Amino acid sequence: MRTFILPASYSPLRACEHKRPEIIPGDIIVQLAPGADANSIVALRETA
């Protein structure tokens, strides 16, 4: 299991829909709010 931190402008759902090869089932995707840094995590989901 790996973790990816994505900016607010990049949707974790879109990452899965586009089948990005670096994001595989079981990976954790963390999305930041606009203007947030890595200390301000707002969404955490595991890919299906």
PDB file of N, CA and C in Angstrom:
ATOM      1  N   MET A   1       0.852  -1.181   0.000  1.00  0.00           N
ATOM      2  CA  MET A   1       0.000   0.000   0.000  1.00  0.00           C
ATOM      3  C   MET A   1       0.897   1.243   0.000  1.00  0.00           C
ATOM      4  N   ARG A   2       0.582   2.187  -0.888  1.00  0.00           N
ATOM      5  CA  ARG A   2       1.347   3.429  -0.990  1.00  0.00           C
ATOM      6  C   ARG A   2       0.409   4.607  -0.768  1.00  0.00           C
ATOM      7  N   THR A   3       0.986   5.762  -0.454  1.00  0.00           N
ATOM      8  CA  THR A   3       0.181   6.969  -0.234  1.00  0.00           C
ATOM      9  C   THR A   3       0.567   8.034  -1.245  1.00  0.00           C
ATOM     10  N   PHE A   4      -0.455   8.668  -1.835  1.00  0.00           N
ATOM     11  CA  PHE A   4      -0.244   9.772  -2.768  1.00  0.00           C
ATOM     12  C   PHE A   4      -0.891  11.014  -2.193  1.00  0.00           C
ATOM     13  N   ILE A   5      -0.183  12.128  -2.203  1.00  0.00           N
ATOM     14  CA  ILE A   5      -0.757  13.405  -1.772  1.00  0.00           C
ATOM     15  C   ILE A   5      -0.991  14.242  -3.017  1.00  0.00           C
ATOM     16  N   LEU A   6      -2.254  14.595  -3.242  1.00  0.00           N
ATOM     17  CA  LEU A   6      -2.636  15.343  -4.437  1.00  0.00           C
ATOM     18  C   LEU A   6      -3.127  16.730  -4.061  1.00  0.00           C
ATOM     19  N   PRO A   7      -2.891  17.723  -4.907  1.00  0.00           N
ATOM     20  CA  PRO A   7      -3.399  19.062  -4.631  1.00  0.00           C
ATOM     21  C   PRO A   7      -4.907  19.125  -4.791  1.00  0.00           C
ATOM     22  N   ALA A   8      -5.512  20.175  -4.291  1.00  0.00           N
ATOM     23  CA  ALA A   8      -6.965  20.321  -4.351  1.00  0.00           C
ATOM     24  C   ALA A   8      -7.483  20.343  -5.785  1.00  0.00           C
ATOM     25  N   SER A   9      -6.650  20.781  -6.705  1.00  0.00           N
ATOM     26  CA  SER A   9      -7.085  20.882  -8.102  1.00  0.00           C
ATOM     27  C   SER A   9      -7.155  19.522  -8.799  1.00  0.00           C
ATOM     28  N   TYR A  10      -6.663  18.478  -8.139  1.00  0.00           N
ATOM     29  CA  TYR A  10      -6.653  17.158  -8.767  1.00  0.00           C
ATOM     30  C   TYR A  10      -7.574  16.217  -8.002  1.00  0.00           C
ATOM     31  N   SER A  11      -8.595  15.731  -8.630  1.00  0.00           N
ATOM     32  CA  SER A  11      -9.581  14.882  -7.957  1.00  0.00           C
ATOM     33  C   SER A  11      -9.094  13.442  -7.825  1.00  0.00           C
ATOM     34  N   PRO A  12      -9.129  12.858  -6.617  1.00  0.00           N
ATOM     35  CA  PRO A  12      -8.756  11.447  -6.469  1.00  0.00           C
ATOM     36  C   PRO A  12      -9.631  10.537  -7.326  1.00  0.00           C
ATOM     37  N   LEU A  13     -10.917  10.881  -7.453  1.00  0.00           N
ATOM     38  CA  LEU A  13     -11.806  10.067  -8.273  1.00  0.00           C
ATOM     39  C   LEU A  13     -11.352  10.111  -9.728  1.00  0.00           C
ATOM     40  N   ARG A  14     -10.978  11.298 -10.199  1.00  0.00           N
ATOM     41  CA  ARG A  14     -10.500  11.437 -11.569  1.00  0.00           C
ATOM     42  C   ARG A  14      -9.228  10.601 -11.774  1.00  0.00           C
ATOM     43  N   ALA A  15      -8.387  10.548 -10.771  1.00  0.00           N
ATOM     44  CA  ALA A  15      -7.166   9.750 -10.877  1.00  0.00           C
ATOM     45  C   ALA A  15      -7.504   8.291 -11.122  1.00  0.00           C
ATOM     46  N   CYS A  16      -8.530   7.799 -10.452  1.00  0.00           N
ATOM     47  CA  CYS A  16      -8.941   6.402 -10.620  1.00  0.00           C
ATOM     48  C   CYS A  16      -9.634   6.196 -11.962  1.00  0.00           C
ATOM     49  N   GLU A  17     -10.479   7.146 -12.342  1.00  0.00           N
ATOM     50  CA  GLU A  17     -11.216   7.011 -13.602  1.00  0.00           C
ATOM     51  C   GLU A  17     -10.275   6.996 -14.798  1.00  0.00           C
ATOM     52  N   HIS A  18      -9.203   7.771 -14.722  1.00  0.00           N
ATOM     53  CA  HIS A  18      -8.266   7.826 -15.832  1.00  0.00           C
ATOM     54  C   HIS A  18      -7.256   6.687 -15.785  1.00  0.00           C
ATOM     55  N   LYS A  19      -7.404   5.804 -14.806  1.00  0.00           N
ATOM     56  CA  LYS A  19      -6.546   4.624 -14.694  1.00  0.00           C
ATOM     57  C   LYS A  19      -5.069   4.996 -14.692  1.00  0.00           C
ATOM     58  N   ARG A  20      -4.742   6.014 -13.923  1.00  0.00           N
ATOM     59  CA  ARG A  20      -3.335   6.408 -13.837  1.00  0.00           C
ATOM     60  C   ARG A  20      -2.533   5.198 -13.381  1.00  0.00           C
ATOM     61  N   PRO A  21      -1.536   4.789 -14.118  1.00  0.00           N
ATOM     62  CA  PRO A  21      -0.807   3.557 -13.815  1.00  0.00           C
ATOM     63  C   PRO A  21      -0.101   3.568 -12.468  1.00  0.00           C
ATOM     64  N   GLU A  22       0.247   4.771 -11.960  1.00  0.00           N
ATOM     65  CA  GLU A  22       0.944   4.811 -10.677  1.00  0.00           C
ATOM     66  C   GLU A  22      -0.009   4.666  -9.495  1.00  0.00           C
ATOM     67  N   ILE A  23      -1.333   4.728  -9.741  1.00  0.00           N
ATOM     68  CA  ILE A  23      -2.306   4.559  -8.665  1.00  0.00           C
ATOM     69  C   ILE A  23      -3.028   3.236  -8.877  1.00  0.00           C
ATOM     70  N   ILE A  24      -2.830   2.321  -7.945  1.00  0.00           N
ATOM     71  CA  ILE A  24      -3.377   0.970  -8.082  1.00  0.00           C
ATOM     72  C   ILE A  24      -4.303   0.663  -6.903  1.00  0.00           C
ATOM     73  N   PRO A  25      -5.130  -0.391  -7.020  1.00  0.00           N
ATOM     74  CA  PRO A  25      -6.012  -0.750  -5.910  1.00  0.00           C
ATOM     75  C   PRO A  25      -5.230  -0.940  -4.610  1.00  0.00           C
ATOM     76  N   GLY A  26      -5.777  -0.413  -3.536  1.00  0.00           N
ATOM     77  CA  GLY A  26      -5.141  -0.511  -2.232  1.00  0.00           C
ATOM     78  C   GLY A  26      -4.318   0.709  -1.862  1.00  0.00           C
ATOM     79  N   ASP A  27      -4.022   1.564  -2.836  1.00  0.00           N
ATOM     80  CA  ASP A  27      -3.272   2.783  -2.545  1.00  0.00           C
ATOM     81  C   ASP A  27      -4.145   3.760  -1.753  1.00  0.00           C
ATOM     82  N   ILE A  28      -3.520   4.595  -0.968  1.00  0.00           N
ATOM     83  CA  ILE A  28      -4.215   5.641  -0.227  1.00  0.00           C
ATOM     84  C   ILE A  28      -3.996   6.955  -0.960  1.00  0.00           C
ATOM     85  N   ILE A  29      -5.082   7.685  -1.189  1.00  0.00           N
ATOM     86  CA  ILE A  29      -4.999   8.979  -1.862  1.00  0.00           C
ATOM     87  C   ILE A  29      -5.405  10.060  -0.868  1.00  0.00           C
ATOM     88  N   VAL A  30      -4.537  11.041  -0.676  1.00  0.00           N
ATOM     89  CA  VAL A  30      -4.801  12.155   0.222  1.00  0.00           C
ATOM     90  C   VAL A  30      -4.948  13.404  -0.632  1.00  0.00           C
ATOM     91  N   GLN A  31      -6.030  14.141  -0.427  1.00  0.00           N
ATOM     92  CA  GLN A  31      -6.247  15.361  -1.203  1.00  0.00           C
ATOM     93  C   GLN A  31      -6.220  16.561  -0.271  1.00  0.00           C
ATOM     94  N   LEU A  32      -5.498  17.602  -0.689  1.00  0.00           N
ATOM     95  CA  LEU A  32      -5.380  18.806   0.128  1.00  0.00           C
ATOM     96  C   LEU A  32      -6.404  19.852  -0.285  1.00  0.00           C
ATOM     97  N   ALA A  33      -6.844  20.641   0.678  1.00  0.00           N
ATOM     98  CA  ALA A  33      -7.762  21.747   0.395  1.00  0.00           C
ATOM     99  C   ALA A  33      -6.997  22.865  -0.306  1.00  0.00           C
ATOM    100  N   PRO A  34      -7.695  23.760  -1.011  1.00  0.00           N
ATOM    101  CA  PRO A  34      -7.016  24.884  -1.664  1.00  0.00           C
ATOM    102  C   PRO A  34      -6.188  25.687  -0.653  1.00  0.00           C
ATOM    103  N   GLY A  35      -4.942  25.915  -0.969  1.00  0.00           N
ATOM    104  CA  GLY A  35      -4.071  26.680  -0.093  1.00  0.00           C
ATOM    105  C   GLY A  35      -3.529  25.912   1.101  1.00  0.00           C
ATOM    106  N   ALA A  36      -3.864  24.637   1.210  1.00  0.00           N
ATOM    107  CA  ALA A  36      -3.422  23.846   2.360  1.00  0.00           C
ATOM    108  C   ALA A  36      -2.038  23.266   2.116  1.00  0.00           C
ATOM    109  N   ASP A  37      -1.390  22.884   3.212  1.00  0.00           N
ATOM    110  CA  ASP A  37      -0.128  22.182   3.083  1.00  0.00           C
ATOM    111  C   ASP A  37      -0.328  20.749   3.587  1.00  0.00           C
ATOM    112  N   ALA A  38       0.731  19.990   3.663  1.00  0.00           N
ATOM    113  CA  ALA A  38       0.614  18.584   4.039  1.00  0.00           C
ATOM    114  C   ALA A  38       0.112  18.390   5.471  1.00  0.00           C
ATOM    115  N   ASN A  39       0.079  19.455   6.266  1.00  0.00           N
ATOM    116  CA  ASN A  39      -0.435  19.356   7.628  1.00  0.00           C
ATOM    117  C   ASN A  39      -1.941  19.574   7.695  1.00  0.00           C
ATOM    118  N   SER A  40      -2.565  19.805   6.548  1.00  0.00           N
ATOM    119  CA  SER A  40      -3.993  20.131   6.508  1.00  0.00           C
ATOM    120  C   SER A  40      -4.755  19.154   5.610  1.00  0.00           C
ATOM    121  N   ILE A  41      -4.690  17.889   5.941  1.00  0.00           N
ATOM    122  CA  ILE A  41      -5.346  16.871   5.128  1.00  0.00           C
ATOM    123  C   ILE A  41      -6.857  16.931   5.342  1.00  0.00           C
ATOM    124  N   VAL A  42      -7.627  16.950   4.240  1.00  0.00           N
ATOM    125  CA  VAL A  42      -9.078  17.072   4.360  1.00  0.00           C
ATOM    126  C   VAL A  42      -9.838  15.858   3.839  1.00  0.00           C
ATOM    127  N   ALA A  43      -9.211  15.021   3.048  1.00  0.00           N
ATOM    128  CA  ALA A  43      -9.912  13.853   2.518  1.00  0.00           C
ATOM    129  C   ALA A  43      -8.940  12.692   2.416  1.00  0.00           C
ATOM    130  N   LEU A  44      -9.407  11.523   2.816  1.00  0.00           N
ATOM    131  CA  LEU A  44      -8.569  10.323   2.755  1.00  0.00           C
ATOM    132  C   LEU A  44      -9.445   9.184   2.275  1.00  0.00           C
ATOM    133  N   ARG A  45      -9.058   8.561   1.167  1.00  0.00           N
ATOM    134  CA  ARG A  45      -9.842   7.430   0.689  1.00  0.00           C
ATOM    135  C   ARG A  45      -8.923   6.368   0.138  1.00  0.00           C
ATOM    136  N   GLU A  46      -9.357   5.131   0.256  1.00  0.00           N
ATOM    137  CA  GLU A  46      -8.591   4.022  -0.308  1.00  0.00           C
ATOM    138  C   GLU A  46      -9.179   3.690  -1.668  1.00  0.00           C
ATOM    139  N   THR A  47      -8.308   3.478  -2.645  1.00  0.00           N
ATOM    140  CA  THR A  47      -8.794   3.149  -3.977  1.00  0.00           C
ATOM    141  C   THR A  47      -9.443   1.769  -3.968  1.00  0.00           C
ATOM    142  N   ALA A  48     -10.438   1.580  -4.833  1.00  0.00           N
ATOM    143  CA  ALA A  48     -11.169   0.318  -4.876  1.00  0.00           C
ATOM    144  C   ALA A  48     -10.501  -0.666  -5.818  1.00  0.00           C
TER     145      ALA A  48
END
